[in-house]
Amino acid sequence: MTMNQQMIPAGQFKAQCLGLMEQIQETQQPIVVTKRGVPMVTIIPYKKEMVSKCKIFGALKGTITIHQDIVAPIDELWDVDN
């Protein structure tokens, strides 16, 4: 948290939510929402490029190494009656 970030109590945020969202989008400055003086969340402006970098599908591509045939039968007997 930087010194110039605006902090606002949760009750005030609740009462002024829509106006604060517009302010955040216009100024591009985040707001920290507090509860009893303790920071709880940071509301940040939406940026389309952030969403495109956070794709779920394919995120782990290239992180797994297969060393053997993963579909071939194994040479171990199973006791399936347990």
PDB file of N, CA and C in Angstrom:
ATOM      1  N   MET A   1       0.854  -1.168   0.000  1.00  0.00           N
ATOM      2  CA  MET A   1       0.000   0.000   0.000  1.00  0.00           C
ATOM      3  C   MET A   1       0.905   1.237   0.000  1.00  0.00           C
ATOM      4  N   THR A   2       0.626   2.131  -0.908  1.00  0.00           N
ATOM      5  CA  THR A   2       1.427   3.349  -0.983  1.00  0.00           C
ATOM      6  C   THR A   2       0.784   4.438  -0.146  1.00  0.00           C
ATOM      7  N   MET A   3       1.564   5.459   0.152  1.00  0.00           N
ATOM      8  CA  MET A   3       1.091   6.542   1.016  1.00  0.00           C
ATOM      9  C   MET A   3      -0.027   7.362   0.370  1.00  0.00           C
ATOM     10  N   ASN A   4      -0.086   7.439  -0.952  1.00  0.00           N
ATOM     11  CA  ASN A   4      -1.077   8.298  -1.597  1.00  0.00           C
ATOM     12  C   ASN A   4      -2.370   7.551  -1.948  1.00  0.00           C
ATOM     13  N   GLN A   5      -2.503   6.284  -1.550  1.00  0.00           N
ATOM     14  CA  GLN A   5      -3.738   5.569  -1.825  1.00  0.00           C
ATOM     15  C   GLN A   5      -4.850   6.071  -0.924  1.00  0.00           C
ATOM     16  N   GLN A   6      -6.020   6.230  -1.528  1.00  0.00           N
ATOM     17  CA  GLN A   6      -7.178   6.669  -0.757  1.00  0.00           C
ATOM     18  C   GLN A   6      -7.724   5.493   0.031  1.00  0.00           C
ATOM     19  N   MET A   7      -8.002   5.716   1.307  1.00  0.00           N
ATOM     20  CA  MET A   7      -8.606   4.698   2.161  1.00  0.00           C
ATOM     21  C   MET A   7      -9.995   5.169   2.547  1.00  0.00           C
ATOM     22  N   ILE A   8     -10.947   4.235   2.580  1.00  0.00           N
ATOM     23  CA  ILE A   8     -12.331   4.592   2.866  1.00  0.00           C
ATOM     24  C   ILE A   8     -12.948   3.485   3.729  1.00  0.00           C
ATOM     25  N   PRO A   9     -13.699   3.849   4.767  1.00  0.00           N
ATOM     26  CA  PRO A   9     -14.374   2.838   5.588  1.00  0.00           C
ATOM     27  C   PRO A   9     -15.431   2.076   4.778  1.00  0.00           C
ATOM     28  N   ALA A  10     -15.645   0.831   5.131  1.00  0.00           N
ATOM     29  CA  ALA A  10     -16.578  -0.025   4.403  1.00  0.00           C
ATOM     30  C   ALA A  10     -17.986   0.568   4.351  1.00  0.00           C
ATOM     31  N   GLY A  11     -18.446   1.150   5.433  1.00  0.00           N
ATOM     32  CA  GLY A  11     -19.785   1.747   5.450  1.00  0.00           C
ATOM     33  C   GLY A  11     -19.919   2.891   4.458  1.00  0.00           C
ATOM     34  N   GLN A  12     -18.883   3.711   4.371  1.00  0.00           N
ATOM     35  CA  GLN A  12     -18.902   4.813   3.414  1.00  0.00           C
ATOM     36  C   GLN A  12     -18.816   4.277   1.988  1.00  0.00           C
ATOM     37  N   PHE A  13     -17.999   3.233   1.787  1.00  0.00           N
ATOM     38  CA  PHE A  13     -17.912   2.630   0.451  1.00  0.00           C
ATOM     39  C   PHE A  13     -19.273   2.074   0.027  1.00  0.00           C
ATOM     40  N   LYS A  14     -19.946   1.414   0.961  1.00  0.00           N
ATOM     41  CA  LYS A  14     -21.264   0.844   0.669  1.00  0.00           C
ATOM     42  C   LYS A  14     -22.251   1.928   0.246  1.00  0.00           C
ATOM     43  N   ALA A  15     -22.224   3.049   0.935  1.00  0.00           N
ATOM     44  CA  ALA A  15     -23.157   4.135   0.646  1.00  0.00           C
ATOM     45  C   ALA A  15     -22.834   4.856  -0.665  1.00  0.00           C
ATOM     46  N   GLN A  16     -21.562   4.889  -1.048  1.00  0.00           N
ATOM     47  CA  GLN A  16     -21.143   5.653  -2.216  1.00  0.00           C
ATOM     48  C   GLN A  16     -20.547   4.767  -3.317  1.00  0.00           C
ATOM     49  N   CYS A  17     -20.851   3.489  -3.302  1.00  0.00           N
ATOM     50  CA  CYS A  17     -20.215   2.511  -4.171  1.00  0.00           C
ATOM     51  C   CYS A  17     -20.196   2.909  -5.651  1.00  0.00           C
ATOM     52  N   LEU A  18     -21.341   3.229  -6.224  1.00  0.00           N
ATOM     53  CA  LEU A  18     -21.396   3.518  -7.662  1.00  0.00           C
ATOM     54  C   LEU A  18     -20.559   4.743  -8.028  1.00  0.00           C
ATOM     55  N   GLY A  19     -20.629   5.781  -7.222  1.00  0.00           N
ATOM     56  CA  GLY A  19     -19.831   6.977  -7.475  1.00  0.00           C
ATOM     57  C   GLY A  19     -18.337   6.695  -7.343  1.00  0.00           C
ATOM     58  N   LEU A  20     -17.971   5.892  -6.355  1.00  0.00           N
ATOM     59  CA  LEU A  20     -16.562   5.559  -6.172  1.00  0.00           C
ATOM     60  C   LEU A  20     -16.036   4.700  -7.318  1.00  0.00           C
ATOM     61  N   MET A  21     -16.872   3.809  -7.836  1.00  0.00           N
ATOM     62  CA  MET A  21     -16.442   3.003  -8.982  1.00  0.00           C
ATOM     63  C   MET A  21     -16.153   3.890 -10.187  1.00  0.00           C
ATOM     64  N   GLU A  22     -17.001   4.877 -10.417  1.00  0.00           N
ATOM     65  CA  GLU A  22     -16.759   5.821 -11.515  1.00  0.00           C
ATOM     66  C   GLU A  22     -15.475   6.613 -11.270  1.00  0.00           C
ATOM     67  N   GLN A  23     -15.260   7.036 -10.032  1.00  0.00           N
ATOM     68  CA  GLN A  23     -14.042   7.783  -9.679  1.00  0.00           C
ATOM     69  C   GLN A  23     -12.799   6.936  -9.946  1.00  0.00           C
ATOM     70  N   ILE A  24     -12.844   5.680  -9.547  1.00  0.00           N
ATOM     71  CA  ILE A  24     -11.704   4.786  -9.748  1.00  0.00           C
ATOM     72  C   ILE A  24     -11.409   4.619 -11.232  1.00  0.00           C
ATOM     73  N   GLN A  25     -12.456   4.455 -12.038  1.00  0.00           N
ATOM     74  CA  GLN A  25     -12.262   4.283 -13.477  1.00  0.00           C
ATOM     75  C   GLN A  25     -11.716   5.558 -14.129  1.00  0.00           C
ATOM     76  N   GLU A  26     -12.194   6.703 -13.702  1.00  0.00           N
ATOM     77  CA  GLU A  26     -11.746   7.980 -14.281  1.00  0.00           C
ATOM     78  C   GLU A  26     -10.316   8.318 -13.881  1.00  0.00           C
ATOM     79  N   THR A  27      -9.999   8.157 -12.609  1.00  0.00           N
ATOM     80  CA  THR A  27      -8.674   8.565 -12.110  1.00  0.00           C
ATOM     81  C   THR A  27      -7.627   7.477 -12.270  1.00  0.00           C
ATOM     82  N   GLN A  28      -8.087   6.227 -12.476  1.00  0.00           N
ATOM     83  CA  GLN A  28      -7.194   5.062 -12.561  1.00  0.00           C
ATOM     84  C   GLN A  28      -6.402   4.851 -11.266  1.00  0.00           C
ATOM     85  N   GLN A  29      -6.937   5.353 -10.156  1.00  0.00           N
ATOM     86  CA  GLN A  29      -6.304   5.205  -8.852  1.00  0.00           C
ATOM     87  C   GLN A  29      -7.124   4.251  -7.986  1.00  0.00           C
ATOM     88  N   PRO A  30      -6.486   3.234  -7.399  1.00  0.00           N
ATOM     89  CA  PRO A  30      -7.224   2.294  -6.550  1.00  0.00           C
ATOM     90  C   PRO A  30      -7.671   2.927  -5.237  1.00  0.00           C
ATOM     91  N   ILE A  31      -8.643   2.310  -4.609  1.00  0.00           N
ATOM     92  CA  ILE A  31      -9.122   2.727  -3.293  1.00  0.00           C
ATOM     93  C   ILE A  31      -9.064   1.512  -2.372  1.00  0.00           C
ATOM     94  N   VAL A  32      -8.561   1.716  -1.160  1.00  0.00           N
ATOM     95  CA  VAL A  32      -8.499   0.655  -0.165  1.00  0.00           C
ATOM     96  C   VAL A  32      -9.713   0.793   0.744  1.00  0.00           C
ATOM     97  N   VAL A  33     -10.481  -0.276   0.881  1.00  0.00           N
ATOM     98  CA  VAL A  33     -11.660  -0.281   1.748  1.00  0.00           C
ATOM     99  C   VAL A  33     -11.248  -0.905   3.082  1.00  0.00           C
ATOM    100  N   THR A  34     -11.563  -0.204   4.165  1.00  0.00           N
ATOM    101  CA  THR A  34     -11.173  -0.673   5.498  1.00  0.00           C
ATOM    102  C   THR A  34     -12.394  -1.087   6.310  1.00  0.00           C
ATOM    103  N   LYS A  35     -12.144  -1.940   7.286  1.00  0.00           N
ATOM    104  CA  LYS A  35     -13.174  -2.337   8.246  1.00  0.00           C
ATOM    105  C   LYS A  35     -12.565  -2.155   9.630  1.00  0.00           C
ATOM    106  N   ARG A  36     -13.109  -1.220  10.390  1.00  0.00           N
ATOM    107  CA  ARG A  36     -12.578  -0.858  11.713  1.00  0.00           C
ATOM    108  C   ARG A  36     -11.109  -0.450  11.619  1.00  0.00           C
ATOM    109  N   GLY A  37     -10.776   0.243  10.537  1.00  0.00           N
ATOM    110  CA  GLY A  37      -9.421   0.754  10.353  1.00  0.00           C
ATOM    111  C   GLY A  37      -8.427  -0.224   9.763  1.00  0.00           C
ATOM    112  N   VAL A  38      -8.855  -1.477   9.553  1.00  0.00           N
ATOM    113  CA  VAL A  38      -7.970  -2.503   8.999  1.00  0.00           C
ATOM    114  C   VAL A  38      -8.258  -2.642   7.503  1.00  0.00           C
ATOM    115  N   PRO A  39      -7.245  -2.513   6.642  1.00  0.00           N
ATOM    116  CA  PRO A  39      -7.465  -2.671   5.192  1.00  0.00           C
ATOM    117  C   PRO A  39      -7.992  -4.064   4.876  1.00  0.00           C
ATOM    118  N   MET A  40      -9.087  -4.131   4.107  1.00  0.00           N
ATOM    119  CA  MET A  40      -9.710  -5.410   3.764  1.00  0.00           C
ATOM    120  C   MET A  40      -9.553  -5.752   2.284  1.00  0.00           C
ATOM    121  N   VAL A  41      -9.839  -4.796   1.412  1.00  0.00           N
ATOM    122  CA  VAL A  41      -9.750  -5.031  -0.032  1.00  0.00           C
ATOM    123  C   VAL A  41      -9.251  -3.767  -0.716  1.00  0.00           C
ATOM    124  N   THR A  42      -8.703  -3.968  -1.896  1.00  0.00           N
ATOM    125  CA  THR A  42      -8.328  -2.850  -2.752  1.00  0.00           C
ATOM    126  C   THR A  42      -9.186  -2.917  -3.997  1.00  0.00           C
ATOM    127  N   ILE A  43      -9.870  -1.845  -4.315  1.00  0.00           N
ATOM    128  CA  ILE A  43     -10.675  -1.763  -5.527  1.00  0.00           C
ATOM    129  C   ILE A  43      -9.806  -1.092  -6.584  1.00  0.00           C
ATOM    130  N   ILE A  44      -9.550  -1.808  -7.684  1.00  0.00           N
ATOM    131  CA  ILE A  44      -8.665  -1.289  -8.730  1.00  0.00           C
ATOM    132  C   ILE A  44      -9.444  -1.073 -10.020  1.00  0.00           C
ATOM    133  N   PRO A  45      -8.962  -0.192 -10.892  1.00  0.00           N
ATOM    134  CA  PRO A  45      -9.660   0.023 -12.159  1.00  0.00           C
ATOM    135  C   PRO A  45      -9.502  -1.188 -13.073  1.00  0.00           C
ATOM    136  N   TYR A  46     -10.539  -1.465 -13.848  1.00  0.00           N
ATOM    137  CA  TYR A  46     -10.525  -2.561 -14.809  1.00  0.00           C
ATOM    138  C   TYR A  46      -9.642  -2.192 -15.989  1.00  0.00           C
ATOM    139  N   LYS A  47      -8.794  -3.127 -16.379  1.00  0.00           N
ATOM    140  CA  LYS A  47      -7.950  -2.930 -17.553  1.00  0.00           C
ATOM    141  C   LYS A  47      -8.061  -4.182 -18.403  1.00  0.00           C
ATOM    142  N   LYS A  48      -8.479  -4.013 -19.645  1.00  0.00           N
ATOM    143  CA  LYS A  48      -8.721  -5.151 -20.520  1.00  0.00           C
ATOM    144  C   LYS A  48      -7.476  -6.020 -20.691  1.00  0.00           C
ATOM    145  N   GLU A  49      -6.301  -5.403 -20.762  1.00  0.00           N
ATOM    146  CA  GLU A  49      -5.082  -6.179 -20.958  1.00  0.00           C
ATOM    147  C   GLU A  49      -4.787  -7.091 -19.772  1.00  0.00           C
ATOM    148  N   MET A  50      -5.274  -6.743 -18.582  1.00  0.00           N
ATOM    149  CA  MET A  50      -5.090  -7.611 -17.423  1.00  0.00           C
ATOM    150  C   MET A  50      -5.880  -8.894 -17.587  1.00  0.00           C
ATOM    151  N   VAL A  51      -7.070  -8.801 -18.143  1.00  0.00           N
ATOM    152  CA  VAL A  51      -7.921  -9.966 -18.316  1.00  0.00           C
ATOM    153  C   VAL A  51      -7.322 -10.910 -19.349  1.00  0.00           C
ATOM    154  N   SER A  52      -6.800 -10.385 -20.439  1.00  0.00           N
ATOM    155  CA  SER A  52      -6.248 -11.242 -21.481  1.00  0.00           C
ATOM    156  C   SER A  52      -5.013 -11.990 -21.004  1.00  0.00           C
ATOM    157  N   LYS A  53      -4.301 -11.477 -19.999  1.00  0.00           N
ATOM    158  CA  LYS A  53      -3.124 -12.149 -19.461  1.00  0.00           C
ATOM    159  C   LYS A  53      -3.494 -13.236 -18.458  1.00  0.00           C
ATOM    160  N   CYS A  54      -4.740 -13.270 -18.012  1.00  0.00           N
ATOM    161  CA  CYS A  54      -5.157 -14.196 -16.958  1.00  0.00           C
ATOM    162  C   CYS A  54      -5.995 -15.350 -17.497  1.00  0.00           C
ATOM    163  N   LYS A  55      -5.661 -15.873 -18.659  1.00  0.00           N
ATOM    164  CA  LYS A  55      -6.440 -16.973 -19.217  1.00  0.00           C
ATOM    165  C   LYS A  55      -6.151 -18.257 -18.443  1.00  0.00           C
ATOM    166  N   ILE A  56      -7.200 -19.016 -18.177  1.00  0.00           N
ATOM    167  CA  ILE A  56      -7.060 -20.250 -17.417  1.00  0.00           C
ATOM    168  C   ILE A  56      -6.626 -21.393 -18.326  1.00  0.00           C
ATOM    169  N   PHE A  57      -7.316 -21.563 -19.442  1.00  0.00           N
ATOM    170  CA  PHE A  57      -7.023 -22.674 -20.320  1.00  0.00           C
ATOM    171  C   PHE A  57      -5.678 -22.479 -21.002  1.00  0.00           C
ATOM    172  N   GLY A  58      -4.813 -23.462 -20.839  1.00  0.00           N
ATOM    173  CA  GLY A  58      -3.489 -23.399 -21.423  1.00  0.00           C
ATOM    174  C   GLY A  58      -2.459 -22.729 -20.537  1.00  0.00           C
ATOM    175  N   ALA A  59      -2.848 -22.310 -19.338  1.00  0.00           N
ATOM    176  CA  ALA A  59      -1.922 -21.605 -18.455  1.00  0.00           C
ATOM    177  C   ALA A  59      -0.754 -22.494 -18.020  1.00  0.00           C
ATOM    178  N   LEU A  60      -0.970 -23.807 -17.934  1.00  0.00           N
ATOM    179  CA  LEU A  60       0.092 -24.722 -17.493  1.00  0.00           C
ATOM    180  C   LEU A  60       0.778 -25.434 -18.655  1.00  0.00           C
ATOM    181  N   LYS A  61       0.495 -25.014 -19.871  1.00  0.00           N
ATOM    182  CA  LYS A  61       1.104 -25.641 -21.046  1.00  0.00           C
ATOM    183  C   LYS A  61       2.621 -25.588 -20.946  1.00  0.00           C
ATOM    184  N   GLY A  62       3.240 -26.754 -21.148  1.00  0.00           N
ATOM    185  CA  GLY A  62       4.695 -26.830 -21.107  1.00  0.00           C
ATOM    186  C   GLY A  62       5.273 -27.042 -19.724  1.00  0.00           C
ATOM    187  N   THR A  63       4.440 -27.230 -18.709  1.00  0.00           N
ATOM    188  CA  THR A  63       4.957 -27.399 -17.352  1.00  0.00           C
ATOM    189  C   THR A  63       4.998 -28.857 -16.910  1.00  0.00           C
ATOM    190  N   ILE A  64       4.495 -29.784 -17.728  1.00  0.00           N
ATOM    191  CA  ILE A  64       4.457 -31.196 -17.376  1.00  0.00           C
ATOM    192  C   ILE A  64       5.375 -31.966 -18.316  1.00  0.00           C
ATOM    193  N   THR A  65       6.147 -32.893 -17.755  1.00  0.00           N
ATOM    194  CA  THR A  65       7.023 -33.736 -18.555  1.00  0.00           C
ATOM    195  C   THR A  65       6.561 -35.176 -18.409  1.00  0.00           C
ATOM    196  N   ILE A  66       6.308 -35.856 -19.520  1.00  0.00           N
ATOM    197  CA  ILE A  66       5.910 -37.262 -19.510  1.00  0.00           C
ATOM    198  C   ILE A  66       7.156 -38.084 -19.842  1.00  0.00           C
ATOM    199  N   HIS A  67       7.509 -39.040 -18.950  1.00  0.00           N
ATOM    200  CA  HIS A  67       8.718 -39.827 -19.131  1.00  0.00           C
ATOM    201  C   HIS A  67       8.440 -41.208 -19.704  1.00  0.00           C
ATOM    202  N   GLN A  68       7.199 -41.703 -19.598  1.00  0.00           N
ATOM    203  CA  GLN A  68       6.854 -43.027 -20.105  1.00  0.00           C
ATOM    204  C   GLN A  68       5.479 -42.959 -20.740  1.00  0.00           C
ATOM    205  N   ASP A  69       5.063 -44.085 -21.309  1.00  0.00           N
ATOM    206  CA  ASP A  69       3.730 -44.192 -21.899  1.00  0.00           C
ATOM    207  C   ASP A  69       2.701 -44.155 -20.768  1.00  0.00           C
ATOM    208  N   ILE A  70       1.835 -43.166 -20.764  1.00  0.00           N
ATOM    209  CA  ILE A  70       0.889 -43.016 -19.651  1.00  0.00           C
ATOM    210  C   ILE A  70      -0.409 -43.798 -19.842  1.00  0.00           C
ATOM    211  N   VAL A  71      -0.600 -44.435 -21.006  1.00  0.00           N
ATOM    212  CA  VAL A  71      -1.829 -45.191 -21.236  1.00  0.00           C
ATOM    213  C   VAL A  71      -1.587 -46.687 -21.334  1.00  0.00           C
ATOM    214  N   ALA A  72      -0.346 -47.127 -21.325  1.00  0.00           N
ATOM    215  CA  ALA A  72      -0.033 -48.554 -21.419  1.00  0.00           C
ATOM    216  C   ALA A  72      -0.358 -49.238 -20.093  1.00  0.00           C
ATOM    217  N   PRO A  73      -0.699 -50.549 -20.152  1.00  0.00           N
ATOM    218  CA  PRO A  73      -0.963 -51.283 -18.909  1.00  0.00           C
ATOM    219  C   PRO A  73       0.301 -51.344 -18.044  1.00  0.00           C
ATOM    220  N   ILE A  74       0.084 -51.458 -16.739  1.00  0.00           N
ATOM    221  CA  ILE A  74       1.219 -51.583 -15.834  1.00  0.00           C
ATOM    222  C   ILE A  74       1.411 -53.041 -15.479  1.00  0.00           C
ATOM    223  N   ASP A  75       2.585 -53.408 -14.991  1.00  0.00           N
ATOM    224  CA  ASP A  75       2.907 -54.804 -14.661  1.00  0.00           C
ATOM    225  C   ASP A  75       2.627 -55.114 -13.203  1.00  0.00           C
ATOM    226  N   GLU A  76       1.667 -54.434 -12.616  1.00  0.00           N
ATOM    227  CA  GLU A  76       1.365 -54.625 -11.203  1.00  0.00           C
ATOM    228  C   GLU A  76      -0.078 -55.100 -11.073  1.00  0.00           C
ATOM    229  N   LEU A  77      -0.305 -56.130 -10.231  1.00  0.00           N
ATOM    230  CA  LEU A  77      -1.651 -56.650 -10.016  1.00  0.00           C
ATOM    231  C   LEU A  77      -2.392 -55.768  -9.021  1.00  0.00           C
ATOM    232  N   TRP A  78      -3.661 -55.607  -9.255  1.00  0.00           N
ATOM    233  CA  TRP A  78      -4.497 -54.800  -8.363  1.00  0.00           C
ATOM    234  C   TRP A  78      -5.451 -55.701  -7.611  1.00  0.00           C
ATOM    235  N   ASP A  79      -5.701 -55.372  -6.386  1.00  0.00           N
ATOM    236  CA  ASP A  79      -6.708 -56.066  -5.600  1.00  0.00           C
ATOM    237  C   ASP A  79      -7.928 -55.165  -5.572  1.00  0.00           C
ATOM    238  N   VAL A  80      -8.876 -55.422  -6.473  1.00  0.00           N
ATOM    239  CA  VAL A  80     -10.013 -54.526  -6.638  1.00  0.00           C
ATOM    240  C   VAL A  80     -11.182 -54.851  -5.720  1.00  0.00           C
ATOM    241  N   ASP A  81     -11.055 -55.878  -4.891  1.00  0.00           N
ATOM    242  CA  ASP A  81     -12.149 -56.249  -3.998  1.00  0.00           C
ATOM    243  C   ASP A  81     -12.138 -55.461  -2.695  1.00  0.00           C
ATOM    244  N   ASN A  82     -11.211 -54.590  -2.462  1.00  0.00           N
ATOM    245  CA  ASN A  82     -11.155 -53.827  -1.202  1.00  0.00           C
ATOM    246  C   ASN A  82     -12.185 -52.758  -1.157  1.00  0.00           C
TER     247      ASN A  82
END
